[in-house]
């Protein structure tokens, strides 16, 4: 995607959203023109790496993609841990 694309992981803790404190990998691809929509599209991927613990059960993580400090997309994930 664009060179100024950034991904930030956030997590809910005690009811508040905070930036995830650990580094993550962010990979984006070159733009692809869509004949159907007439738009340039971008694919991107980000890995959230950490060791799961029981206390992480039910934690809501959000990947926020920013371009020039403007939010472009937001995806939420809840992680379940089986004891």
C-alpha atoms as a PDB file:
ATOM      1  CA  UNK A   1       0.000   0.000   0.000  1.00  0.00           C
ATOM      2  CA  UNK A   2       0.987   3.626   0.213  1.00  0.00           C
ATOM      3  CA  UNK A   3       4.307   4.335   1.907  1.00  0.00           C
ATOM      4  CA  UNK A   4       2.534   6.334   4.631  1.00  0.00           C
ATOM      5  CA  UNK A   5       0.270   3.418   5.641  1.00  0.00           C
ATOM      6  CA  UNK A   6       0.691   2.415   9.287  1.00  0.00           C
ATOM      7  CA  UNK A   7      -0.893  -0.263  11.439  1.00  0.00           C
ATOM      8  CA  UNK A   8      -1.387   0.152  15.163  1.00  0.00           C
ATOM      9  CA  UNK A   9      -2.643  -2.628  17.415  1.00  0.00           C
ATOM     10  CA  UNK A  10      -4.857  -1.574  20.297  1.00  0.00           C
ATOM     11  CA  UNK A  11      -6.417  -3.605  23.088  1.00  0.00           C
ATOM     12  CA  UNK A  12      -9.194  -3.059  25.601  1.00  0.00           C
ATOM     13  CA  UNK A  13      -7.977  -3.047  29.163  1.00  0.00           C
ATOM     14  CA  UNK A  14     -10.183  -2.139  32.105  1.00  0.00           C
ATOM     15  CA  UNK A  15     -12.758  -0.743  29.668  1.00  0.00           C
ATOM     16  CA  UNK A  16     -10.297   1.611  27.958  1.00  0.00           C
ATOM     17  CA  UNK A  17      -8.570   1.227  24.601  1.00  0.00           C
ATOM     18  CA  UNK A  18      -4.782   1.413  24.767  1.00  0.00           C
ATOM     19  CA  UNK A  19      -1.980   0.998  22.256  1.00  0.00           C
ATOM     20  CA  UNK A  20      -0.581  -2.517  22.321  1.00  0.00           C
ATOM     21  CA  UNK A  21       2.882  -2.174  23.881  1.00  0.00           C
ATOM     22  CA  UNK A  22       4.785  -4.743  21.791  1.00  0.00           C
ATOM     23  CA  UNK A  23       6.209  -4.454  18.285  1.00  0.00           C
ATOM     24  CA  UNK A  24       4.328  -6.143  15.439  1.00  0.00           C
ATOM     25  CA  UNK A  25       5.043  -6.854  11.794  1.00  0.00           C
ATOM     26  CA  UNK A  26       3.206  -4.900   9.113  1.00  0.00           C
ATOM     27  CA  UNK A  27       3.325  -5.958   5.472  1.00  0.00           C
ATOM     28  CA  UNK A  28       1.598  -4.090   2.690  1.00  0.00           C
ATOM     29  CA  UNK A  29       1.481  -4.798  -1.022  1.00  0.00           C
ATOM     30  CA  UNK A  30       1.592  -2.715  -4.161  1.00  0.00           C
ATOM     31  CA  UNK A  31      -1.665  -1.231  -5.348  1.00  0.00           C
ATOM     32  CA  UNK A  32      -3.832  -3.275  -7.713  1.00  0.00           C
ATOM     33  CA  UNK A  33      -6.324  -1.624 -10.044  1.00  0.00           C
ATOM     34  CA  UNK A  34      -9.800  -3.168  -9.867  1.00  0.00           C
ATOM     35  CA  UNK A  35     -11.589  -3.256 -13.211  1.00  0.00           C
ATOM     36  CA  UNK A  36     -14.927  -3.855 -11.462  1.00  0.00           C
ATOM     37  CA  UNK A  37     -14.803  -0.869  -9.099  1.00  0.00           C
ATOM     38  CA  UNK A  38     -12.408   1.360 -11.021  1.00  0.00           C
ATOM     39  CA  UNK A  39     -10.395   1.871  -7.828  1.00  0.00           C
ATOM     40  CA  UNK A  40      -6.892   1.069  -6.681  1.00  0.00           C
ATOM     41  CA  UNK A  41      -6.968  -1.524  -3.924  1.00  0.00           C
ATOM     42  CA  UNK A  42      -4.317  -2.456  -1.377  1.00  0.00           C
ATOM     43  CA  UNK A  43      -3.763  -5.600   0.644  1.00  0.00           C
ATOM     44  CA  UNK A  44      -2.010  -5.484   3.976  1.00  0.00           C
ATOM     45  CA  UNK A  45      -1.246  -7.890   6.770  1.00  0.00           C
ATOM     46  CA  UNK A  46      -0.069  -7.471  10.318  1.00  0.00           C
ATOM     47  CA  UNK A  47       1.025 -10.038  12.870  1.00  0.00           C
ATOM     48  CA  UNK A  48       0.376  -9.672  16.561  1.00  0.00           C
ATOM     49  CA  UNK A  49       3.004 -11.788  18.317  1.00  0.00           C
ATOM     50  CA  UNK A  50       2.912 -12.600  22.008  1.00  0.00           C
ATOM     51  CA  UNK A  51       2.638 -15.554  24.372  1.00  0.00           C
ATOM     52  CA  UNK A  52      -0.964 -16.255  25.347  1.00  0.00           C
ATOM     53  CA  UNK A  53      -1.758 -16.524  29.024  1.00  0.00           C
ATOM     54  CA  UNK A  54      -5.031 -17.348  30.780  1.00  0.00           C
ATOM     55  CA  UNK A  55      -5.472 -13.669  31.679  1.00  0.00           C
ATOM     56  CA  UNK A  56      -5.656 -12.886  27.922  1.00  0.00           C
ATOM     57  CA  UNK A  57      -8.920 -14.828  27.582  1.00  0.00           C
ATOM     58  CA  UNK A  58     -11.619 -12.623  26.073  1.00  0.00           C
ATOM     59  CA  UNK A  59      -9.326  -9.643  25.432  1.00  0.00           C
ATOM     60  CA  UNK A  60     -10.452  -7.519  22.478  1.00  0.00           C
ATOM     61  CA  UNK A  61      -7.625  -6.560  20.097  1.00  0.00           C
ATOM     62  CA  UNK A  62      -8.093  -4.023  17.313  1.00  0.00           C
ATOM     63  CA  UNK A  63      -5.856  -3.476  14.293  1.00  0.00           C
ATOM     64  CA  UNK A  64      -6.195   0.140  13.141  1.00  0.00           C
ATOM     65  CA  UNK A  65      -4.775   1.076   9.724  1.00  0.00           C
ATOM     66  CA  UNK A  66      -3.858   4.733   9.393  1.00  0.00           C
ATOM     67  CA  UNK A  67      -2.871   6.832   6.368  1.00  0.00           C
ATOM     68  CA  UNK A  68      -1.551  10.348   7.057  1.00  0.00           C
ATOM     69  CA  UNK A  69      -3.005  10.091  10.602  1.00  0.00           C
ATOM     70  CA  UNK A  70      -6.467   9.308   9.183  1.00  0.00           C
ATOM     71  CA  UNK A  71      -8.072   6.007  10.151  1.00  0.00           C
ATOM     72  CA  UNK A  72      -8.701   3.911   7.018  1.00  0.00           C
ATOM     73  CA  UNK A  73      -9.863   0.632   8.516  1.00  0.00           C
ATOM     74  CA  UNK A  74     -10.407  -1.072  11.843  1.00  0.00           C
ATOM     75  CA  UNK A  75     -10.697  -4.818  12.464  1.00  0.00           C
ATOM     76  CA  UNK A  76     -11.463  -6.298  15.864  1.00  0.00           C
ATOM     77  CA  UNK A  77     -10.493  -9.715  17.210  1.00  0.00           C
ATOM     78  CA  UNK A  78     -11.305 -11.408  20.497  1.00  0.00           C
ATOM     79  CA  UNK A  79      -8.900 -14.071  21.652  1.00  0.00           C
ATOM     80  CA  UNK A  80     -10.157 -17.058  23.592  1.00  0.00           C
ATOM     81  CA  UNK A  81      -7.787 -19.150  25.705  1.00  0.00           C
ATOM     82  CA  UNK A  82      -8.705 -22.682  26.726  1.00  0.00           C
ATOM     83  CA  UNK A  83      -7.198 -23.492  30.141  1.00  0.00           C
END
